[in-house]
Amino acid sequence: MNSKLIDVPSFQRTQRVKFVGGEGIIRNLKFENGTWTYLVEMDLGPAPKFGRVGAETMVLLDWLDLRAV
């Protein structure tokens, strides 16, 4: 039987990261198709006068797109 070794992720949940387009916090991670992908919650800018509508912005990024802060 051949077992496959899964690499340790480069980043962890709640870790602050930078990427092209902004900064954020990792909320979830998943090993898929031989690579780690991360769900990152982007930092919010100043609140508009009319308030916030809906959830914060989340982006799904590959580990190559991220840098630790």
Protein backbone atom coordinates (compact mmCIF):
# COMPACT_ATOMS: atom_id res chain seq x y z
CA MET A 1 0.00 0.00 0.00
CA ASN A 2 1.33 3.42 -0.96
CA SER A 3 0.45 6.28 1.39
CA LYS A 4 0.67 9.87 0.24
CA LEU A 5 2.44 12.41 2.45
CA ILE A 6 0.53 15.68 2.73
CA ASP A 7 2.75 18.71 3.24
CA VAL A 8 2.24 20.95 6.21
CA PRO A 9 0.45 24.22 5.27
CA SER A 10 2.57 27.37 5.00
CA PHE A 11 -0.03 29.45 6.89
CA GLN A 12 -2.47 28.79 9.74
CA ARG A 13 -6.01 29.94 10.61
CA THR A 14 -6.18 33.46 12.08
CA GLN A 15 -2.76 34.32 10.64
CA ARG A 16 -2.46 37.78 9.07
CA VAL A 17 -1.28 37.73 5.44
CA LYS A 18 -0.64 40.13 2.55
CA PHE A 19 -1.47 39.59 -1.12
CA VAL A 20 -1.79 41.66 -4.27
CA GLY A 21 -4.84 43.79 -3.54
CA GLY A 22 -4.67 43.98 0.24
CA GLU A 23 -4.25 42.28 3.58
CA GLY A 24 -6.41 39.95 5.56
CA ILE A 25 -6.75 37.07 7.98
CA ILE A 26 -6.87 33.40 7.02
CA ARG A 27 -10.26 31.95 8.00
CA ASN A 28 -9.99 28.49 6.44
CA LEU A 29 -7.53 26.31 4.52
CA LYS A 30 -7.85 23.22 2.37
CA PHE A 31 -5.45 20.81 0.67
CA GLU A 32 -6.78 20.16 -2.81
CA ASN A 33 -5.23 18.92 -6.07
CA GLY A 34 -1.76 18.83 -4.52
CA THR A 35 -1.75 22.41 -3.23
CA TRP A 36 -3.02 24.44 -0.28
CA THR A 37 -5.76 27.02 -0.86
CA TYR A 38 -6.74 29.62 1.72
CA LEU A 39 -9.95 31.52 2.39
CA VAL A 40 -8.85 35.03 3.40
CA GLU A 41 -11.11 37.65 4.97
CA MET A 42 -9.99 41.05 3.71
CA ASP A 43 -9.54 44.01 6.04
CA LEU A 44 -12.36 46.52 5.98
CA GLY A 45 -11.77 50.14 5.09
CA PRO A 46 -13.56 53.02 6.78
CA ALA A 47 -17.31 52.52 7.15
CA PRO A 48 -19.37 54.46 4.60
CA LYS A 49 -21.94 57.02 5.83
CA PHE A 50 -24.81 54.66 4.97
CA GLY A 51 -23.29 51.76 6.99
CA ARG A 52 -22.23 48.28 5.97
CA VAL A 53 -24.33 46.02 3.78
CA GLY A 54 -23.74 42.26 3.83
CA ALA A 55 -20.76 40.19 4.89
CA GLU A 56 -17.09 41.10 4.74
CA THR A 57 -15.17 40.36 1.56
CA MET A 58 -13.60 36.90 1.35
CA VAL A 59 -11.15 35.73 -1.31
CA LEU A 60 -9.87 32.25 -2.14
CA LEU A 61 -6.13 32.28 -2.81
CA ASP A 62 -3.39 29.78 -3.54
CA TRP A 63 -0.45 29.63 -1.11
CA LEU A 64 1.83 31.16 -3.77
CA ASP A 65 -0.22 34.37 -3.69
CA LEU A 66 0.28 34.98 0.05
CA ARG A 67 3.00 36.51 2.22
CA ALA A 68 3.08 36.57 6.03
CA VAL A 69 2.74 40.01 7.64
